Amino acid sequence: RVFESIILDNIGQYSMYVIMNFDHEMLSDVLRKIDRNKLLIFDWGRFDKKEYSYVCQDFDKAVYNSLVSGLQRIRTYNEFILIFPADTYHPRETVDAFKRFCRDYNIKSHVVSTVEANETFENKLFFVIDELDLVKIIKITSSASLELGKDVGIISYNDTPMKEVVGKGITVISTDFALMGKMAADFVLHKQKLQFIVPTTLTERGSL
């Protein structure tokens, strides 16, 4: 209701609109009230967008391909675990991509919603969506005198400056947010239809 109210209150107030759609699976009905030539759908949207301009991430095939690019290092661990919180807004396509990758390359894997401190971490690789889970794993690894990138592996989703410097660096699967912002700005400036999927890639650092 808040999302719809904000949109409705501002229709006609601006020459261009850059909006992150509220529902990932379907186009929010309220957006249909905006002139599609003035609207850019930003960041995500699994629904059919052929009539609209968009700059979006790919949470499925790009994630799969990113994992494939790190296959050699991933195979050095005994088990690959995706921590996908029950309350996350992250698209579930990432879960599908993870399961497909592990099945295709015969990698022992699990998907869990949380990680417990009393679990055995040694020889496990964690794919982490939530930042709090990332911090928890790093703390548990350190307290158990295990070495990141050797005894325990981490791949985190979305890059941040912090992940470049923690330990020997945290390996990430991330899109190019700078490019995403540039493309959105270009749409506003030039007012030309734009349909672009921003590349998502694996950046290997010491944690893998």
C-alpha atoms as a PDB file:
ATOM      1  CA  ARG A   1       0.000   0.000   0.000  1.00  0.00           C
ATOM      2  CA  VAL A   2       2.858   2.360   0.777  1.00  0.00           C
ATOM      3  CA  PHE A   3       4.501   1.582  -2.565  1.00  0.00           C
ATOM      4  CA  GLU A   4       1.257   2.217  -4.493  1.00  0.00           C
ATOM      5  CA  SER A   5       0.557   5.407  -2.551  1.00  0.00           C
ATOM      6  CA  ILE A   6       4.002   6.852  -3.306  1.00  0.00           C
ATOM      7  CA  ILE A   7       3.631   6.098  -7.030  1.00  0.00           C
ATOM      8  CA  LEU A   8       0.070   7.404  -7.334  1.00  0.00           C
ATOM      9  CA  ASP A   9       0.903  10.595  -5.444  1.00  0.00           C
ATOM     10  CA  ASN A  10       3.719  11.346  -7.894  1.00  0.00           C
ATOM     11  CA  ILE A  11       2.226  10.463 -11.282  1.00  0.00           C
ATOM     12  CA  GLY A  12       2.525  13.532 -13.479  1.00  0.00           C
ATOM     13  CA  GLN A  13       4.995  15.234 -11.145  1.00  0.00           C
ATOM     14  CA  TYR A  14       8.150  14.166 -13.017  1.00  0.00           C
ATOM     15  CA  SER A  15       9.344  13.887 -16.596  1.00  0.00           C
ATOM     16  CA  MET A  16      11.010  10.479 -16.026  1.00  0.00           C
ATOM     17  CA  TYR A  17      10.622   7.655 -13.492  1.00  0.00           C
ATOM     18  CA  VAL A  18      13.222   5.105 -12.378  1.00  0.00           C
ATOM     19  CA  ILE A  19      11.482   2.578 -10.125  1.00  0.00           C
ATOM     20  CA  MET A  20      12.456  -0.715  -8.528  1.00  0.00           C
ATOM     21  CA  ASN A  21       9.332  -2.824  -8.974  1.00  0.00           C
ATOM     22  CA  PHE A  22       7.887  -3.964  -5.625  1.00  0.00           C
ATOM     23  CA  ASP A  23       7.029  -7.509  -6.729  1.00  0.00           C
ATOM     24  CA  HIS A  24       9.770  -9.497  -8.438  1.00  0.00           C
ATOM     25  CA  GLU A  25       7.388 -12.027 -10.007  1.00  0.00           C
ATOM     26  CA  MET A  26       4.899  -9.622 -11.601  1.00  0.00           C
ATOM     27  CA  LEU A  27       4.670  -6.021 -12.735  1.00  0.00           C
ATOM     28  CA  SER A  28       2.921  -3.970 -10.061  1.00  0.00           C
ATOM     29  CA  ASP A  29      -0.390  -2.739 -11.501  1.00  0.00           C
ATOM     30  CA  VAL A  30       0.204   0.808 -10.328  1.00  0.00           C
ATOM     31  CA  LEU A  31       3.191   1.133 -12.688  1.00  0.00           C
ATOM     32  CA  ARG A  32       0.900   0.628 -15.671  1.00  0.00           C
ATOM     33  CA  LYS A  33      -0.516   4.087 -14.919  1.00  0.00           C
ATOM     34  CA  ILE A  34       2.817   5.680 -15.843  1.00  0.00           C
ATOM     35  CA  ASP A  35       3.619   6.454 -19.489  1.00  0.00           C
ATOM     36  CA  ARG A  36       5.891   3.522 -20.419  1.00  0.00           C
ATOM     37  CA  ASN A  37       8.109   5.901 -22.426  1.00  0.00           C
ATOM     38  CA  LYS A  38       8.918   7.706 -19.170  1.00  0.00           C
ATOM     39  CA  LEU A  39       9.441   4.629 -16.999  1.00  0.00           C
ATOM     40  CA  LEU A  40      12.599   2.621 -16.339  1.00  0.00           C
ATOM     41  CA  ILE A  41      12.184  -0.585 -14.314  1.00  0.00           C
ATOM     42  CA  PHE A  42      15.279  -0.919 -12.187  1.00  0.00           C
ATOM     43  CA  ASP A  43      17.262  -3.810 -10.726  1.00  0.00           C
ATOM     44  CA  TRP A  44      14.895  -6.770 -10.993  1.00  0.00           C
ATOM     45  CA  GLY A  45      11.734  -8.163 -12.556  1.00  0.00           C
ATOM     46  CA  ARG A  46      11.110 -11.724 -13.677  1.00  0.00           C
ATOM     47  CA  PHE A  47       7.917 -10.791 -15.550  1.00  0.00           C
ATOM     48  CA  ASP A  48       7.700 -10.015 -19.281  1.00  0.00           C
ATOM     49  CA  LYS A  49       9.231  -6.563 -19.731  1.00  0.00           C
ATOM     50  CA  LYS A  50       9.358  -6.326 -23.538  1.00  0.00           C
ATOM     51  CA  GLU A  51       7.119  -3.235 -23.592  1.00  0.00           C
ATOM     52  CA  TYR A  52       9.177  -1.411 -20.964  1.00  0.00           C
ATOM     53  CA  SER A  53      12.640  -0.007 -20.552  1.00  0.00           C
ATOM     54  CA  TYR A  54      14.691  -1.762 -17.894  1.00  0.00           C
ATOM     55  CA  VAL A  55      18.137  -2.152 -16.359  1.00  0.00           C
ATOM     56  CA  CYS A  56      18.081  -5.387 -14.381  1.00  0.00           C
ATOM     57  CA  GLN A  57      20.183  -8.105 -12.803  1.00  0.00           C
ATOM     58  CA  ASP A  58      20.046 -11.780 -13.743  1.00  0.00           C
ATOM     59  CA  PHE A  59      19.756 -13.916 -10.617  1.00  0.00           C
ATOM     60  CA  ASP A  60      19.663 -17.266 -12.427  1.00  0.00           C
ATOM     61  CA  LYS A  61      21.837 -17.948 -15.484  1.00  0.00           C
ATOM     62  CA  ALA A  62      24.435 -15.358 -14.492  1.00  0.00           C
ATOM     63  CA  VAL A  63      24.765 -16.923 -11.031  1.00  0.00           C
ATOM     64  CA  TYR A  64      25.100 -20.396 -12.584  1.00  0.00           C
ATOM     65  CA  ASN A  65      27.798 -19.185 -14.982  1.00  0.00           C
ATOM     66  CA  SER A  66      29.623 -17.404 -12.154  1.00  0.00           C
ATOM     67  CA  LEU A  67      29.746 -20.642 -10.168  1.00  0.00           C
ATOM     68  CA  VAL A  68      31.004 -22.523 -13.214  1.00  0.00           C
ATOM     69  CA  SER A  69      33.849 -20.018 -13.541  1.00  0.00           C
ATOM     70  CA  GLY A  70      34.934 -20.900  -9.998  1.00  0.00           C
ATOM     71  CA  LEU A  71      34.454 -24.658 -10.388  1.00  0.00           C
ATOM     72  CA  GLN A  72      38.109 -25.614  -9.877  1.00  0.00           C
ATOM     73  CA  ARG A  73      38.274 -23.915  -6.471  1.00  0.00           C
ATOM     74  CA  ILE A  74      34.762 -25.005  -5.474  1.00  0.00           C
ATOM     75  CA  ARG A  75      35.743 -28.650  -5.998  1.00  0.00           C
ATOM     76  CA  THR A  76      38.474 -28.372  -3.352  1.00  0.00           C
ATOM     77  CA  TYR A  77      35.809 -28.400  -0.608  1.00  0.00           C
ATOM     78  CA  ASN A  78      33.866 -31.452   0.569  1.00  0.00           C
ATOM     79  CA  GLU A  79      30.496 -29.724   0.698  1.00  0.00           C
ATOM     80  CA  PHE A  80      28.902 -26.596  -0.800  1.00  0.00           C
ATOM     81  CA  ILE A  81      26.215 -24.931   1.342  1.00  0.00           C
ATOM     82  CA  LEU A  82      23.887 -22.125   0.302  1.00  0.00           C
ATOM     83  CA  ILE A  83      22.542 -20.103   3.242  1.00  0.00           C
ATOM     84  CA  PHE A  84      19.267 -18.666   2.006  1.00  0.00           C
ATOM     85  CA  PRO A  85      17.341 -16.966   4.868  1.00  0.00           C
ATOM     86  CA  ALA A  86      13.619 -17.657   5.077  1.00  0.00           C
ATOM     87  CA  ASP A  87      12.826 -13.942   5.321  1.00  0.00           C
ATOM     88  CA  THR A  88      15.068 -12.690   2.511  1.00  0.00           C
ATOM     89  CA  TYR A  89      13.729 -10.712  -0.443  1.00  0.00           C
ATOM     90  CA  HIS A  90      16.496 -12.094  -2.628  1.00  0.00           C
ATOM     91  CA  PRO A  91      14.989 -13.814  -5.704  1.00  0.00           C
ATOM     92  CA  ARG A  92      14.691 -17.593  -5.433  1.00  0.00           C
ATOM     93  CA  GLU A  93      16.174 -18.039  -8.903  1.00  0.00           C
ATOM     94  CA  THR A  94      19.534 -18.025  -7.146  1.00  0.00           C
ATOM     95  CA  VAL A  95      18.517 -21.177  -5.256  1.00  0.00           C
ATOM     96  CA  ASP A  96      17.520 -22.802  -8.544  1.00  0.00           C
ATOM     97  CA  ALA A  97      20.842 -21.818 -10.144  1.00  0.00           C
ATOM     98  CA  PHE A  98      22.787 -23.186  -7.151  1.00  0.00           C
ATOM     99  CA  LYS A  99      20.954 -26.525  -7.182  1.00  0.00           C
ATOM    100  CA  ARG A 100      21.339 -26.886 -10.942  1.00  0.00           C
ATOM    101  CA  PHE A 101      25.055 -26.137 -10.779  1.00  0.00           C
ATOM    102  CA  CYS A 102      25.652 -28.666  -7.993  1.00  0.00           C
ATOM    103  CA  ARG A 103      23.607 -31.315  -9.793  1.00  0.00           C
ATOM    104  CA  ASP A 104      25.307 -30.752 -13.147  1.00  0.00           C
ATOM    105  CA  TYR A 105      28.792 -30.966 -11.645  1.00  0.00           C
ATOM    106  CA  ASN A 106      28.066 -33.654  -9.045  1.00  0.00           C
ATOM    107  CA  ILE A 107      28.907 -31.487  -6.044  1.00  0.00           C
ATOM    108  CA  LYS A 108      27.627 -32.428  -2.592  1.00  0.00           C
ATOM    109  CA  SER A 109      25.405 -29.568  -1.479  1.00  0.00           C
ATOM    110  CA  HIS A 110      22.694 -28.331   0.850  1.00  0.00           C
ATOM    111  CA  VAL A 111      20.414 -25.303   1.075  1.00  0.00           C
ATOM    112  CA  VAL A 112      19.765 -24.077   4.622  1.00  0.00           C
ATOM    113  CA  SER A 113      18.046 -21.026   6.076  1.00  0.00           C
ATOM    114  CA  THR A 114      20.573 -20.443   8.846  1.00  0.00           C
ATOM    115  CA  VAL A 115      23.904 -21.675  10.135  1.00  0.00           C
ATOM    116  CA  GLU A 116      24.556 -22.825  13.703  1.00  0.00           C
ATOM    117  CA  ALA A 117      27.703 -22.137  15.706  1.00  0.00           C
ATOM    118  CA  ASN A 118      27.999 -25.774  16.822  1.00  0.00           C
ATOM    119  CA  GLU A 119      28.243 -27.087  13.254  1.00  0.00           C
ATOM    120  CA  THR A 120      31.488 -28.474  11.851  1.00  0.00           C
ATOM    121  CA  PHE A 121      32.796 -25.939   9.349  1.00  0.00           C
ATOM    122  CA  GLU A 122      35.988 -27.595   8.193  1.00  0.00           C
ATOM    123  CA  ASN A 123      36.181 -28.422   4.455  1.00  0.00           C
ATOM    124  CA  LYS A 124      32.883 -26.652   3.773  1.00  0.00           C
ATOM    125  CA  LEU A 125      32.248 -23.860   1.305  1.00  0.00           C
ATOM    126  CA  PHE A 126      29.442 -21.410   2.127  1.00  0.00           C
ATOM    127  CA  PHE A 127      27.499 -19.333  -0.393  1.00  0.00           C
ATOM    128  CA  VAL A 128      26.108 -16.457   1.666  1.00  0.00           C
ATOM    129  CA  ILE A 129      23.273 -14.089   0.737  1.00  0.00           C
ATOM    130  CA  ASP A 130      22.871 -12.129   3.975  1.00  0.00           C
ATOM    131  CA  GLU A 131      25.610  -9.947   5.467  1.00  0.00           C
ATOM    132  CA  LEU A 132      24.835 -11.095   9.031  1.00  0.00           C
ATOM    133  CA  ASP A 133      25.436 -14.711   8.015  1.00  0.00           C
ATOM    134  CA  LEU A 134      28.735 -13.648   6.465  1.00  0.00           C
ATOM    135  CA  VAL A 135      29.850 -12.050   9.740  1.00  0.00           C
ATOM    136  CA  LYS A 136      28.711 -15.106  11.717  1.00  0.00           C
ATOM    137  CA  ILE A 137      30.718 -17.520   9.550  1.00  0.00           C
ATOM    138  CA  ILE A 138      33.847 -15.362   9.735  1.00  0.00           C
ATOM    139  CA  LYS A 139      33.562 -15.180  13.546  1.00  0.00           C
ATOM    140  CA  ILE A 140      33.003 -18.939  13.938  1.00  0.00           C
ATOM    141  CA  THR A 141      35.863 -19.720  11.565  1.00  0.00           C
ATOM    142  CA  SER A 142      38.211 -17.444  13.490  1.00  0.00           C
ATOM    143  CA  SER A 143      37.215 -18.803  16.909  1.00  0.00           C
ATOM    144  CA  ALA A 144      37.798 -22.375  15.672  1.00  0.00           C
ATOM    145  CA  SER A 145      41.289 -21.401  14.402  1.00  0.00           C
ATOM    146  CA  LEU A 146      40.308 -22.319  10.851  1.00  0.00           C
ATOM    147  CA  GLU A 147      41.731 -20.493   7.860  1.00  0.00           C
ATOM    148  CA  LEU A 148      39.474 -18.851   5.298  1.00  0.00           C
ATOM    149  CA  GLY A 149      40.244 -20.009   1.791  1.00  0.00           C
ATOM    150  CA  LYS A 150      41.888 -23.171   3.033  1.00  0.00           C
ATOM    151  CA  ASP A 151      39.856 -24.870   5.779  1.00  0.00           C
ATOM    152  CA  VAL A 152      36.606 -22.972   5.150  1.00  0.00           C
ATOM    153  CA  GLY A 153      35.450 -21.209   2.002  1.00  0.00           C
ATOM    154  CA  ILE A 154      33.066 -18.300   1.502  1.00  0.00           C
ATOM    155  CA  ILE A 155      31.346 -16.874  -1.560  1.00  0.00           C
ATOM    156  CA  SER A 156      29.215 -13.830  -0.759  1.00  0.00           C
ATOM    157  CA  TYR A 157      26.504 -12.212  -2.869  1.00  0.00           C
ATOM    158  CA  ASN A 158      27.021  -8.532  -3.799  1.00  0.00           C
ATOM    159  CA  ASP A 159      30.344  -6.786  -3.478  1.00  0.00           C
ATOM    160  CA  THR A 160      31.159  -4.021  -0.977  1.00  0.00           C
ATOM    161  CA  PRO A 161      34.423  -2.212  -0.169  1.00  0.00           C
ATOM    162  CA  MET A 162      34.581  -4.122   3.129  1.00  0.00           C
ATOM    163  CA  LYS A 163      34.723  -7.453   1.300  1.00  0.00           C
ATOM    164  CA  GLU A 164      37.859  -6.359  -0.516  1.00  0.00           C
ATOM    165  CA  VAL A 165      39.813  -6.008   2.739  1.00  0.00           C
ATOM    166  CA  VAL A 166      38.398  -8.544   5.240  1.00  0.00           C
ATOM    167  CA  GLY A 167      41.009 -11.267   5.748  1.00  0.00           C
ATOM    168  CA  LYS A 168      42.556 -11.843   2.345  1.00  0.00           C
ATOM    169  CA  GLY A 169      39.362 -10.634   0.708  1.00  0.00           C
ATOM    170  CA  ILE A 170      35.914 -12.195   0.364  1.00  0.00           C
ATOM    171  CA  THR A 171      35.072 -13.851  -2.953  1.00  0.00           C
ATOM    172  CA  VAL A 172      31.842 -12.410  -4.365  1.00  0.00           C
ATOM    173  CA  ILE A 173      29.240 -12.938  -7.037  1.00  0.00           C
ATOM    174  CA  SER A 174      28.097  -9.451  -7.880  1.00  0.00           C
ATOM    175  CA  THR A 175      26.660  -7.296 -10.593  1.00  0.00           C
ATOM    176  CA  ASP A 176      28.272  -4.054 -11.794  1.00  0.00           C
ATOM    177  CA  PHE A 177      26.350  -1.491  -9.752  1.00  0.00           C
ATOM    178  CA  ALA A 178      28.315   1.435 -11.197  1.00  0.00           C
ATOM    179  CA  LEU A 179      27.279   0.383 -14.705  1.00  0.00           C
ATOM    180  CA  MET A 180      23.694  -0.079 -13.519  1.00  0.00           C
ATOM    181  CA  GLY A 181      23.642   3.499 -12.239  1.00  0.00           C
ATOM    182  CA  LYS A 182      25.228   4.840 -15.426  1.00  0.00           C
ATOM    183  CA  MET A 183      22.654   3.108 -17.626  1.00  0.00           C
ATOM    184  CA  ALA A 184      19.799   4.504 -15.520  1.00  0.00           C
ATOM    185  CA  ALA A 185      21.282   8.003 -15.780  1.00  0.00           C
ATOM    186  CA  ASP A 186      21.614   7.633 -19.556  1.00  0.00           C
ATOM    187  CA  PHE A 187      17.929   6.712 -19.790  1.00  0.00           C
ATOM    188  CA  VAL A 188      16.932   9.833 -17.870  1.00  0.00           C
ATOM    189  CA  LEU A 189      19.222  12.081 -19.913  1.00  0.00           C
ATOM    190  CA  HIS A 190      18.516  10.749 -23.408  1.00  0.00           C
ATOM    191  CA  LYS A 191      14.940   9.477 -22.998  1.00  0.00           C
ATOM    192  CA  GLN A 192      15.515   6.525 -25.326  1.00  0.00           C
ATOM    193  CA  LYS A 193      14.156   3.020 -24.808  1.00  0.00           C
ATOM    194  CA  LEU A 194      16.658   0.882 -22.941  1.00  0.00           C
ATOM    195  CA  GLN A 195      16.621  -2.870 -22.261  1.00  0.00           C
ATOM    196  CA  PHE A 196      19.785  -4.058 -20.575  1.00  0.00           C
ATOM    197  CA  ILE A 197      20.798  -6.951 -18.304  1.00  0.00           C
ATOM    198  CA  VAL A 198      23.796  -5.902 -16.227  1.00  0.00           C
ATOM    199  CA  PRO A 199      26.586  -8.533 -16.166  1.00  0.00           C
ATOM    200  CA  THR A 200      26.991 -10.556 -12.962  1.00  0.00           C
ATOM    201  CA  THR A 201      30.364 -12.225 -12.415  1.00  0.00           C
ATOM    202  CA  LEU A 202      32.521 -14.034  -9.859  1.00  0.00           C
ATOM    203  CA  THR A 203      35.392 -12.067  -8.331  1.00  0.00           C
ATOM    204  CA  GLU A 204      37.809 -14.507  -6.704  1.00  0.00           C
ATOM    205  CA  ARG A 205      39.591 -13.425  -3.533  1.00  0.00           C
ATOM    206  CA  GLY A 206      41.272 -15.155  -0.626  1.00  0.00           C
ATOM    207  CA  SER A 207      38.116 -16.646   0.939  1.00  0.00           C
ATOM    208  CA  LEU A 208      37.748 -19.143  -1.916  1.00  0.00           C
END
